[in-house]
Amino acid sequence: TSNSGSSLKAKALCLAIATALSGLASAAHA
């Protein structure tokens, strides 16, 4: 349970970072 919880947190963190970076790239592209 703790392994899947930390895995879920890592995936959520990666998703948040990717979303933030794509927003910056989109603004720079515009």
PDB file of all heavy atoms in Angstrom:
ATOM      1  N   THR A   1       0.839  -1.197   0.000  1.00  0.00           N
ATOM      2  CA  THR A   1       0.000   0.000   0.000  1.00  0.00           C
ATOM      3  C   THR A   1       0.872   1.244   0.000  1.00  0.00           C
ATOM      4  O   THR A   1       0.582   2.207  -0.702  1.00  0.00           O
ATOM      5  CB  THR A   1      -0.926   0.010   1.234  1.00  0.00           C
ATOM      6  OG1 THR A   1      -1.634  -1.202   1.279  1.00  0.00           O
ATOM      7  CG2 THR A   1      -1.886   1.152   1.186  1.00  0.00           C
ATOM      8  N   SER A   2       1.957   1.231   0.740  1.00  0.00           N
ATOM      9  CA  SER A   2       2.829   2.405   0.783  1.00  0.00           C
ATOM     10  C   SER A   2       3.591   2.555  -0.533  1.00  0.00           C
ATOM     11  O   SER A   2       3.832   3.654  -0.990  1.00  0.00           O
ATOM     12  CB  SER A   2       3.776   2.333   1.971  1.00  0.00           C
ATOM     13  OG  SER A   2       4.742   1.322   1.766  1.00  0.00           O
ATOM     14  N   ASN A   3       3.954   1.406  -1.174  1.00  0.00           N
ATOM     15  CA  ASN A   3       4.627   1.466  -2.464  1.00  0.00           C
ATOM     16  C   ASN A   3       3.703   2.018  -3.539  1.00  0.00           C
ATOM     17  O   ASN A   3       4.102   2.839  -4.342  1.00  0.00           O
ATOM     18  CB  ASN A   3       5.137   0.092  -2.885  1.00  0.00           C
ATOM     19  CG  ASN A   3       6.422  -0.286  -2.173  1.00  0.00           C
ATOM     20  OD1 ASN A   3       7.101   0.583  -1.645  1.00  0.00           O
ATOM     21  ND2 ASN A   3       6.730  -1.565  -2.161  1.00  0.00           N
ATOM     22  N   SER A   4       2.474   1.555  -3.573  1.00  0.00           N
ATOM     23  CA  SER A   4       1.552   2.064  -4.581  1.00  0.00           C
ATOM     24  C   SER A   4       1.160   3.502  -4.274  1.00  0.00           C
ATOM     25  O   SER A   4       0.915   4.290  -5.178  1.00  0.00           O
ATOM     26  CB  SER A   4       0.330   1.156  -4.722  1.00  0.00           C
ATOM     27  OG  SER A   4      -0.420   1.128  -3.531  1.00  0.00           O
ATOM     28  N   GLY A   5       1.137   3.879  -3.002  1.00  0.00           N
ATOM     29  CA  GLY A   5       0.840   5.266  -2.636  1.00  0.00           C
ATOM     30  C   GLY A   5       1.960   6.190  -3.078  1.00  0.00           C
ATOM     31  O   GLY A   5       1.725   7.278  -3.606  1.00  0.00           O
ATOM     32  N   SER A   6       3.210   5.777  -2.884  1.00  0.00           N
ATOM     33  CA  SER A   6       4.335   6.616  -3.305  1.00  0.00           C
ATOM     34  C   SER A   6       4.442   6.634  -4.824  1.00  0.00           C
ATOM     35  O   SER A   6       4.827   7.638  -5.425  1.00  0.00           O
ATOM     36  CB  SER A   6       5.641   6.135  -2.676  1.00  0.00           C
ATOM     37  OG  SER A   6       5.969   4.843  -3.144  1.00  0.00           O
ATOM     38  N   SER A   7       4.093   5.514  -5.459  1.00  0.00           N
ATOM     39  CA  SER A   7       4.086   5.463  -6.922  1.00  0.00           C
ATOM     40  C   SER A   7       3.036   6.411  -7.480  1.00  0.00           C
ATOM     41  O   SER A   7       3.265   7.107  -8.458  1.00  0.00           O
ATOM     42  CB  SER A   7       3.825   4.031  -7.379  1.00  0.00           C
ATOM     43  OG  SER A   7       3.699   3.985  -8.773  1.00  0.00           O
ATOM     44  N   LEU A   8       1.885   6.432  -6.817  1.00  0.00           N
ATOM     45  CA  LEU A   8       0.804   7.325  -7.245  1.00  0.00           C
ATOM     46  C   LEU A   8       1.213   8.784  -7.059  1.00  0.00           C
ATOM     47  O   LEU A   8       0.955   9.623  -7.914  1.00  0.00           O
ATOM     48  CB  LEU A   8      -0.474   7.009  -6.449  1.00  0.00           C
ATOM     49  CG  LEU A   8      -1.716   7.786  -6.826  1.00  0.00           C
ATOM     50  CD1 LEU A   8      -2.084   7.504  -8.280  1.00  0.00           C
ATOM     51  CD2 LEU A   8      -2.860   7.430  -5.909  1.00  0.00           C
ATOM     52  N   LYS A   9       1.903   9.075  -5.944  1.00  0.00           N
ATOM     53  CA  LYS A   9       2.367  10.451  -5.690  1.00  0.00           C
ATOM     54  C   LYS A   9       3.409  10.855  -6.740  1.00  0.00           C
ATOM     55  O   LYS A   9       3.409  11.988  -7.225  1.00  0.00           O
ATOM     56  CB  LYS A   9       2.965  10.559  -4.297  1.00  0.00           C
ATOM     57  CG  LYS A   9       1.947  10.544  -3.184  1.00  0.00           C
ATOM     58  CD  LYS A   9       2.622  10.670  -1.837  1.00  0.00           C
ATOM     59  CE  LYS A   9       1.630  10.546  -0.697  1.00  0.00           C
ATOM     60  NZ  LYS A   9       2.277  10.634   0.620  1.00  0.00           N
ATOM     61  N   ALA A  10       4.294   9.930  -7.116  1.00  0.00           N
ATOM     62  CA  ALA A  10       5.323  10.219  -8.106  1.00  0.00           C
ATOM     63  C   ALA A  10       4.691  10.494  -9.469  1.00  0.00           C
ATOM     64  O   ALA A  10       5.090  11.423 -10.181  1.00  0.00           O
ATOM     65  CB  ALA A  10       6.313   9.057  -8.205  1.00  0.00           C
ATOM     66  N   LYS A  11       3.683   9.695  -9.815  1.00  0.00           N
ATOM     67  CA  LYS A  11       2.989   9.916 -11.094  1.00  0.00           C
ATOM     68  C   LYS A  11       2.267  11.255 -11.088  1.00  0.00           C
ATOM     69  O   LYS A  11       2.277  11.984 -12.079  1.00  0.00           O
ATOM     70  CB  LYS A  11       2.016   8.785 -11.371  1.00  0.00           C
ATOM     71  CG  LYS A  11       2.676   7.482 -11.743  1.00  0.00           C
ATOM     72  CD  LYS A  11       1.654   6.408 -12.010  1.00  0.00           C
ATOM     73  CE  LYS A  11       2.329   5.069 -12.321  1.00  0.00           C
ATOM     74  NZ  LYS A  11       1.350   4.002 -12.547  1.00  0.00           N
ATOM     75  N   ALA A  12       1.640  11.592  -9.977  1.00  0.00           N
ATOM     76  CA  ALA A  12       0.919  12.869  -9.869  1.00  0.00           C
ATOM     77  C   ALA A  12       1.900  14.034  -9.976  1.00  0.00           C
ATOM     78  O   ALA A  12       1.616  15.045 -10.629  1.00  0.00           O
ATOM     79  CB  ALA A  12       0.147  12.929  -8.555  1.00  0.00           C
ATOM     80  N   LEU A  13       3.073  13.890  -9.343  1.00  0.00           N
ATOM     81  CA  LEU A  13       4.090  14.939  -9.409  1.00  0.00           C
ATOM     82  C   LEU A  13       4.605  15.105 -10.841  1.00  0.00           C
ATOM     83  O   LEU A  13       4.747  16.235 -11.338  1.00  0.00           O
ATOM     84  CB  LEU A  13       5.246  14.608  -8.462  1.00  0.00           C
ATOM     85  CG  LEU A  13       6.391  15.613  -8.416  1.00  0.00           C
ATOM     86  CD1 LEU A  13       5.885  16.964  -7.929  1.00  0.00           C
ATOM     87  CD2 LEU A  13       7.508  15.120  -7.536  1.00  0.00           C
ATOM     88  N   CYS A  14       4.854  13.991 -11.517  1.00  0.00           N
ATOM     89  CA  CYS A  14       5.309  14.056 -12.915  1.00  0.00           C
ATOM     90  C   CYS A  14       4.259  14.706 -13.804  1.00  0.00           C
ATOM     91  O   CYS A  14       4.578  15.514 -14.679  1.00  0.00           O
ATOM     92  CB  CYS A  14       5.627  12.657 -13.429  1.00  0.00           C
ATOM     93  SG  CYS A  14       7.154  11.987 -12.749  1.00  0.00           S
ATOM     94  N   LEU A  15       2.988  14.351 -13.561  1.00  0.00           N
ATOM     95  CA  LEU A  15       1.891  14.941 -14.338  1.00  0.00           C
ATOM     96  C   LEU A  15       1.810  16.440 -14.097  1.00  0.00           C
ATOM     97  O   LEU A  15       1.621  17.220 -15.027  1.00  0.00           O
ATOM     98  CB  LEU A  15       0.570  14.254 -13.989  1.00  0.00           C
ATOM     99  CG  LEU A  15      -0.656  14.746 -14.732  1.00  0.00           C
ATOM    100  CD1 LEU A  15      -0.496  14.469 -16.230  1.00  0.00           C
ATOM    101  CD2 LEU A  15      -1.909  14.086 -14.212  1.00  0.00           C
ATOM    102  N   ALA A  16       1.971  16.868 -12.851  1.00  0.00           N
ATOM    103  CA  ALA A  16       1.920  18.295 -12.526  1.00  0.00           C
ATOM    104  C   ALA A  16       3.068  19.049 -13.187  1.00  0.00           C
ATOM    105  O   ALA A  16       2.886  20.142 -13.736  1.00  0.00           O
ATOM    106  CB  ALA A  16       1.949  18.486 -11.013  1.00  0.00           C
ATOM    107  N   ILE A  17       4.261  18.485 -13.171  1.00  0.00           N
ATOM    108  CA  ILE A  17       5.429  19.124 -13.785  1.00  0.00           C
ATOM    109  C   ILE A  17       5.243  19.210 -15.304  1.00  0.00           C
ATOM    110  O   ILE A  17       5.514  20.252 -15.917  1.00  0.00           O
ATOM    111  CB  ILE A  17       6.722  18.372 -13.421  1.00  0.00           C
ATOM    112  CG1 ILE A  17       7.027  18.552 -11.932  1.00  0.00           C
ATOM    113  CG2 ILE A  17       7.886  18.841 -14.270  1.00  0.00           C
ATOM    114  CD1 ILE A  17       8.165  17.698 -11.427  1.00  0.00           C
ATOM    115  N   ALA A  18       4.762  18.131 -15.910  1.00  0.00           N
ATOM    116  CA  ALA A  18       4.550  18.124 -17.358  1.00  0.00           C
ATOM    117  C   ALA A  18       3.505  19.154 -17.761  1.00  0.00           C
ATOM    118  O   ALA A  18       3.651  19.855 -18.765  1.00  0.00           O
ATOM    119  CB  ALA A  18       4.139  16.732 -17.821  1.00  0.00           C
ATOM    120  N   THR A  19       2.445  19.261 -16.976  1.00  0.00           N
ATOM    121  CA  THR A  19       1.394  20.239 -17.271  1.00  0.00           C
ATOM    122  C   THR A  19       1.936  21.662 -17.167  1.00  0.00           C
ATOM    123  O   THR A  19       1.653  22.515 -18.023  1.00  0.00           O
ATOM    124  CB  THR A  19       0.207  20.047 -16.306  1.00  0.00           C
ATOM    125  OG1 THR A  19      -0.253  18.708 -16.397  1.00  0.00           O
ATOM    126  CG2 THR A  19      -0.927  20.996 -16.618  1.00  0.00           C
ATOM    127  N   ALA A  20       2.736  21.922 -16.133  1.00  0.00           N
ATOM    128  CA  ALA A  20       3.303  23.261 -15.959  1.00  0.00           C
ATOM    129  C   ALA A  20       4.247  23.603 -17.109  1.00  0.00           C
ATOM    130  O   ALA A  20       4.218  24.722 -17.638  1.00  0.00           O
ATOM    131  CB  ALA A  20       4.033  23.342 -14.623  1.00  0.00           C
ATOM    132  N   LEU A  21       5.083  22.651 -17.504  1.00  0.00           N
ATOM    133  CA  LEU A  21       6.023  22.900 -18.595  1.00  0.00           C
ATOM    134  C   LEU A  21       5.321  23.097 -19.929  1.00  0.00           C
ATOM    135  O   LEU A  21       5.722  23.929 -20.735  1.00  0.00           O
ATOM    136  CB  LEU A  21       7.039  21.765 -18.693  1.00  0.00           C
ATOM    137  CG  LEU A  21       8.062  21.692 -17.555  1.00  0.00           C
ATOM    138  CD1 LEU A  21       8.946  20.466 -17.722  1.00  0.00           C
ATOM    139  CD2 LEU A  21       8.894  22.947 -17.486  1.00  0.00           C
ATOM    140  N   SER A  22       4.258  22.347 -20.168  1.00  0.00           N
ATOM    141  CA  SER A  22       3.537  22.520 -21.433  1.00  0.00           C
ATOM    142  C   SER A  22       2.841  23.870 -21.477  1.00  0.00           C
ATOM    143  O   SER A  22       2.728  24.485 -22.531  1.00  0.00           O
ATOM    144  CB  SER A  22       2.543  21.378 -21.649  1.00  0.00           C
ATOM    145  OG  SER A  22       1.481  21.466 -20.709  1.00  0.00           O
ATOM    146  N   GLY A  23       2.388  24.353 -20.344  1.00  0.00           N
ATOM    147  CA  GLY A  23       1.790  25.685 -20.284  1.00  0.00           C
ATOM    148  C   GLY A  23       2.800  26.759 -20.606  1.00  0.00           C
ATOM    149  O   GLY A  23       2.524  27.719 -21.326  1.00  0.00           O
ATOM    150  N   LEU A  24       4.024  26.613 -20.084  1.00  0.00           N
ATOM    151  CA  LEU A  24       5.076  27.579 -20.375  1.00  0.00           C
ATOM    152  C   LEU A  24       5.476  27.528 -21.841  1.00  0.00           C
ATOM    153  O   LEU A  24       5.693  28.555 -22.485  1.00  0.00           O
ATOM    154  CB  LEU A  24       6.297  27.302 -19.497  1.00  0.00           C
ATOM    155  CG  LEU A  24       6.151  27.592 -18.003  1.00  0.00           C
ATOM    156  CD1 LEU A  24       7.406  27.155 -17.268  1.00  0.00           C
ATOM    157  CD2 LEU A  24       5.877  29.055 -17.760  1.00  0.00           C
ATOM    158  N   ALA A  25       5.595  26.317 -22.384  1.00  0.00           N
ATOM    159  CA  ALA A  25       5.965  26.178 -23.793  1.00  0.00           C
ATOM    160  C   ALA A  25       4.895  26.761 -24.691  1.00  0.00           C
ATOM    161  O   ALA A  25       5.194  27.383 -25.709  1.00  0.00           O
ATOM    162  CB  ALA A  25       6.198  24.712 -24.119  1.00  0.00           C
ATOM    163  N   SER A  26       3.648  26.579 -24.322  1.00  0.00           N
ATOM    164  CA  SER A  26       2.550  27.120 -25.123  1.00  0.00           C
ATOM    165  C   SER A  26       2.574  28.637 -25.110  1.00  0.00           C
ATOM    166  O   SER A  26       2.366  29.280 -26.133  1.00  0.00           O
ATOM    167  CB  SER A  26       1.218  26.596 -24.575  1.00  0.00           C
ATOM    168  OG  SER A  26       0.143  27.169 -25.269  1.00  0.00           O
ATOM    169  N   ALA A  27       2.837  29.229 -23.949  1.00  0.00           N
ATOM    170  CA  ALA A  27       2.908  30.687 -23.853  1.00  0.00           C
ATOM    171  C   ALA A  27       4.091  31.212 -24.659  1.00  0.00           C
ATOM    172  O   ALA A  27       3.982  32.216 -25.359  1.00  0.00           O
ATOM    173  CB  ALA A  27       3.014  31.114 -22.397  1.00  0.00           C
ATOM    174  N   ALA A  28       5.226  30.534 -24.588  1.00  0.00           N
ATOM    175  CA  ALA A  28       6.397  30.954 -25.351  1.00  0.00           C
ATOM    176  C   ALA A  28       6.138  30.809 -26.841  1.00  0.00           C
ATOM    177  O   ALA A  28       6.546  31.659 -27.637  1.00  0.00           O
ATOM    178  CB  ALA A  28       7.614  30.128 -24.935  1.00  0.00           C
ATOM    179  N   HIS A  29       5.443  29.754 -27.235  1.00  0.00           N
ATOM    180  CA  HIS A  29       5.114  29.531 -28.637  1.00  0.00           C
ATOM    181  C   HIS A  29       4.186  30.639 -29.147  1.00  0.00           C
ATOM    182  O   HIS A  29       4.375  31.138 -30.252  1.00  0.00           O
ATOM    183  CB  HIS A  29       4.462  28.163 -28.812  1.00  0.00           C
ATOM    184  CG  HIS A  29       4.021  27.865 -30.201  1.00  0.00           C
ATOM    185  ND1 HIS A  29       4.907  27.666 -31.230  1.00  0.00           N
ATOM    186  CD2 HIS A  29       2.780  27.774 -30.754  1.00  0.00           C
ATOM    187  CE1 HIS A  29       4.237  27.447 -32.343  1.00  0.00           C
ATOM    188  NE2 HIS A  29       2.945  27.509 -32.071  1.00  0.00           N
ATOM    189  N   ALA A  30       3.225  31.031 -28.335  1.00  0.00           N
ATOM    190  CA  ALA A  30       2.298  32.083 -28.745  1.00  0.00           C
ATOM    191  C   ALA A  30       3.036  33.409 -28.925  1.00  0.00           C
ATOM    192  O   ALA A  30       2.776  34.148 -29.872  1.00  0.00           O
ATOM    193  CB  ALA A  30       1.172  32.224 -27.721  1.00  0.00           C
TER     194      ALA A  30
END
